[in-house]
Amino acid sequence: MKTKQADQSRSTILQSAFCEIHRKGYQAASIANILHDTGLTKGALYHHFPTKQSLGIAVVDEIIGERLAKLLFEPIRQSERPIDALLHLISHIDKQVPADFVMLGCPLNNLMQEMSALNPEFKSSLNGILKQWRDTIEWALVTGQKQNDIRSDVDAKSAALFIVSAWEGCIGIAKNMQSNSAFKSCMKQLHGYLAGLRTD
């Protein structure tokens, strides 16, 4: 029972910390706000996360990383036709993200912009997720070439880097403009780029 309660407390803290960081950024995130939101004591928080940095890194690895895995990486890698799965995700991503996604931006990209140049541990965790994303897209393109879905002259590694960069760029521009229509329009162009790599 104690173990279950401890796990629940840890999960509650992580979820609250994610929301606080997504709204305000890591540096402006308030431990006091997290405690108020969760109703837990400072001792309970520091039992699980001895420092604010350890809490922030856990948010990156266990919340942001796992959400991206479920939303993007796993559906692509589990598909028999990964290019079709990727095109479908690009077409429908605006329907699968929270309503405040455009207003607040991508939590991964937000933290990369804020923390990568300041903190090596954050940079390492954030780059780890970014690498998973790039590797997943590259794998999809290489698999697509083997399945004759993607042209053989396409440089899968470079194209994967561009796709991830453009994807994050679409979110960043939409956040700056506070415009869902800008996000949809930009992602439509990314869909067109990927479709243009197909053999047909």
Protein backbone atom coordinates (compact mmCIF):
# COMPACT_ATOMS: atom_id res chain seq x y z
CA MET A 1 0.00 0.00 0.00
CA LYS A 2 2.81 2.42 0.91
CA THR A 3 4.61 1.67 -2.32
CA LYS A 4 1.43 2.27 -4.33
CA GLN A 5 0.82 5.57 -2.52
CA ALA A 6 4.42 6.64 -3.08
CA ASP A 7 4.16 5.83 -6.79
CA GLN A 8 0.91 7.80 -7.00
CA SER A 9 2.47 10.79 -5.23
CA ARG A 10 5.43 10.71 -7.61
CA SER A 11 3.15 10.55 -10.64
CA THR A 12 1.01 13.41 -9.32
CA ILE A 13 4.09 15.58 -8.79
CA LEU A 14 5.37 14.84 -12.30
CA GLN A 15 2.06 15.69 -13.95
CA SER A 16 1.77 18.95 -12.03
CA ALA A 17 5.39 19.86 -12.73
CA PHE A 18 4.89 19.20 -16.44
CA CYS A 19 1.91 21.59 -16.55
CA GLU A 20 3.79 24.24 -14.59
CA ILE A 21 6.87 23.98 -16.80
CA HIS A 22 4.82 23.92 -20.01
CA ARG A 23 2.99 27.11 -18.98
CA LYS A 24 5.92 29.08 -17.56
CA GLY A 25 9.17 27.41 -18.65
CA TYR A 26 11.56 25.53 -16.39
CA GLN A 27 13.36 28.51 -14.86
CA ALA A 28 10.15 30.33 -13.93
CA ALA A 29 8.37 27.18 -12.75
CA SER A 30 7.42 27.43 -9.07
CA ILE A 31 7.84 24.56 -6.61
CA ALA A 32 5.31 26.35 -4.41
CA ASN A 33 2.74 26.23 -7.22
CA ILE A 34 3.38 22.53 -7.74
CA LEU A 35 2.91 21.83 -4.03
CA HIS A 36 -0.29 23.90 -3.96
CA ASP A 37 -1.62 22.08 -7.02
CA THR A 38 -0.85 18.61 -5.65
CA GLY A 39 -1.63 19.24 -1.98
CA LEU A 40 1.60 17.47 -1.05
CA THR A 41 4.28 18.64 1.36
CA LYS A 42 7.71 19.89 0.42
CA GLY A 43 9.14 16.82 2.15
CA ALA A 44 7.08 14.50 -0.06
CA LEU A 45 8.31 16.28 -3.18
CA TYR A 46 11.96 16.25 -2.17
CA HIS A 47 11.68 12.59 -1.17
CA HIS A 48 11.10 11.76 -4.83
CA PHE A 49 13.04 14.64 -6.41
CA PRO A 50 15.91 16.00 -4.29
CA THR A 51 16.40 19.04 -6.54
CA LYS A 52 14.37 21.10 -8.96
CA GLN A 53 16.72 19.92 -11.71
CA SER A 54 16.04 16.25 -10.97
CA LEU A 55 12.32 17.01 -11.20
CA GLY A 56 12.79 18.84 -14.51
CA ILE A 57 14.84 16.01 -16.01
CA ALA A 58 12.22 13.49 -14.90
CA VAL A 59 9.54 15.57 -16.63
CA VAL A 60 11.59 15.46 -19.84
CA ASP A 61 12.28 11.73 -19.70
CA GLU A 62 9.08 10.37 -18.20
CA ILE A 63 6.38 12.76 -19.39
CA ILE A 64 7.54 14.46 -22.59
CA GLY A 65 9.55 11.49 -23.89
CA GLU A 66 6.84 8.94 -23.14
CA ARG A 67 4.09 11.10 -24.63
CA LEU A 68 6.01 11.54 -27.86
CA ALA A 69 6.72 7.81 -27.95
CA LYS A 70 3.02 6.98 -27.70
CA LEU A 71 1.90 9.74 -30.04
CA LEU A 72 4.55 9.41 -32.76
CA PHE A 73 7.33 6.88 -32.41
CA GLU A 74 5.34 3.75 -31.56
CA PRO A 75 2.58 4.16 -34.18
CA ILE A 76 5.20 4.59 -36.90
CA ARG A 77 7.44 1.72 -35.81
CA GLN A 78 4.52 -0.64 -35.25
CA SER A 79 3.02 -0.02 -38.69
CA GLU A 80 3.58 -2.41 -41.57
CA ARG A 81 3.66 0.62 -43.87
CA PRO A 82 5.49 3.28 -41.84
CA ILE A 83 5.31 5.95 -44.55
CA ASP A 84 1.53 5.69 -44.62
CA ALA A 85 1.50 5.92 -40.82
CA LEU A 86 3.76 8.98 -40.89
CA LEU A 87 1.64 10.74 -43.53
CA HIS A 88 -1.48 9.98 -41.51
CA LEU A 89 0.08 11.43 -38.36
CA ILE A 90 1.12 14.61 -40.14
CA SER A 91 -2.39 15.01 -41.58
CA HIS A 92 -4.18 14.45 -38.27
CA ILE A 93 -1.74 15.71 -35.63
CA ASP A 94 -3.81 18.83 -34.95
CA LYS A 95 -6.67 16.57 -33.80
CA GLN A 96 -4.47 14.49 -31.48
CA VAL A 97 -2.79 17.22 -29.44
CA PRO A 98 -4.33 19.15 -26.50
CA ALA A 99 -6.40 22.24 -27.19
CA ASP A 100 -3.73 24.54 -25.72
CA PHE A 101 -0.93 23.02 -27.79
CA VAL A 102 -0.60 25.91 -30.24
CA MET A 103 -0.92 28.53 -27.50
CA LEU A 104 1.79 26.98 -25.30
CA GLY A 105 3.94 25.32 -27.97
CA CYS A 106 5.74 21.99 -28.05
CA PRO A 107 7.11 21.22 -24.57
CA LEU A 108 10.17 19.53 -26.08
CA ASN A 109 10.99 22.48 -28.31
CA ASN A 110 10.26 25.00 -25.55
CA LEU A 111 12.79 23.34 -23.26
CA MET A 112 15.37 22.91 -26.01
CA GLN A 113 15.20 26.65 -26.67
CA GLU A 114 15.33 27.51 -22.97
CA MET A 115 17.73 25.00 -21.45
CA SER A 116 20.02 23.30 -23.98
CA ALA A 117 22.59 26.11 -23.98
CA LEU A 118 22.45 26.45 -20.19
CA ASN A 119 22.46 22.95 -18.73
CA PRO A 120 24.33 19.88 -20.03
CA GLU A 121 21.98 17.41 -18.30
CA PHE A 122 18.90 18.98 -19.84
CA LYS A 123 20.66 19.09 -23.20
CA SER A 124 21.51 15.39 -22.98
CA SER A 125 17.95 14.34 -22.09
CA LEU A 126 16.35 16.60 -24.70
CA ASN A 127 18.77 15.47 -27.41
CA GLY A 128 18.02 11.86 -26.51
CA ILE A 129 14.34 12.36 -27.33
CA LEU A 130 15.19 14.36 -30.45
CA LYS A 131 17.45 11.51 -31.60
CA GLN A 132 14.63 9.00 -31.10
CA TRP A 133 12.41 11.17 -33.28
CA ARG A 134 15.01 11.53 -36.03
CA ASP A 135 15.90 7.83 -35.89
CA THR A 136 12.22 6.87 -36.13
CA ILE A 137 11.67 9.05 -39.22
CA GLU A 138 14.91 7.80 -40.79
CA TRP A 139 13.86 4.20 -40.13
CA ALA A 140 10.47 4.88 -41.73
CA LEU A 141 12.12 6.35 -44.83
CA VAL A 142 14.63 3.49 -45.16
CA THR A 143 11.82 0.96 -44.68
CA GLY A 144 9.81 2.88 -47.26
CA GLN A 145 12.69 2.56 -49.71
CA LYS A 146 12.80 -1.20 -49.13
CA GLN A 147 9.05 -1.35 -49.72
CA ASN A 148 9.38 0.79 -52.87
CA ASP A 149 7.30 3.54 -51.24
CA ILE A 150 10.16 6.08 -51.13
CA ARG A 151 12.53 6.90 -53.99
CA SER A 152 15.93 5.27 -53.75
CA ASP A 153 17.76 8.58 -54.32
CA VAL A 154 16.36 10.10 -51.09
CA ASP A 155 18.99 10.64 -48.36
CA ALA A 156 16.99 9.22 -45.46
CA LYS A 157 19.18 10.72 -42.71
CA SER A 158 19.09 14.25 -44.13
CA ALA A 159 15.38 14.04 -44.97
CA ALA A 160 14.61 12.85 -41.42
CA LEU A 161 16.48 15.81 -39.94
CA PHE A 162 14.56 18.19 -42.20
CA ILE A 163 11.17 16.63 -41.39
CA VAL A 164 11.72 16.87 -37.63
CA SER A 165 13.07 20.42 -37.96
CA ALA A 166 10.13 21.50 -40.13
CA TRP A 167 7.64 19.82 -37.79
CA GLU A 168 9.01 21.68 -34.77
CA GLY A 169 9.25 24.86 -36.84
CA CYS A 170 5.56 24.62 -37.71
CA ILE A 171 4.69 24.42 -34.02
CA GLY A 172 7.01 27.29 -33.13
CA ILE A 173 5.60 29.59 -35.81
CA ALA A 174 2.03 28.70 -34.85
CA LYS A 175 2.81 29.45 -31.19
CA ASN A 176 4.31 32.81 -32.10
CA MET A 177 1.29 33.66 -34.26
CA GLN A 178 -1.17 32.01 -31.83
CA SER A 179 -2.80 30.50 -34.89
CA ASN A 180 -4.23 27.00 -35.34
CA SER A 181 -4.75 27.71 -39.03
CA ALA A 182 -1.05 28.55 -39.45
CA PHE A 183 -0.14 25.23 -37.83
CA LYS A 184 -2.49 23.29 -40.13
CA SER A 185 -1.23 25.14 -43.20
CA CYS A 186 2.42 24.53 -42.34
CA MET A 187 1.85 20.84 -41.60
CA LYS A 188 0.02 20.52 -44.92
CA GLN A 189 3.19 21.71 -46.66
CA LEU A 190 5.25 19.18 -44.69
CA HIS A 191 2.82 16.48 -45.79
CA GLY A 192 3.35 17.59 -49.38
CA TYR A 193 7.13 17.39 -48.98
CA LEU A 194 6.96 13.83 -47.67
CA ALA A 195 4.44 12.78 -50.31
CA GLY A 196 6.86 14.16 -52.91
CA LEU A 197 9.47 11.63 -51.79
CA ARG A 198 7.25 8.72 -52.78
CA THR A 199 7.95 6.63 -55.84
CA ASP A 200 4.52 7.32 -57.31
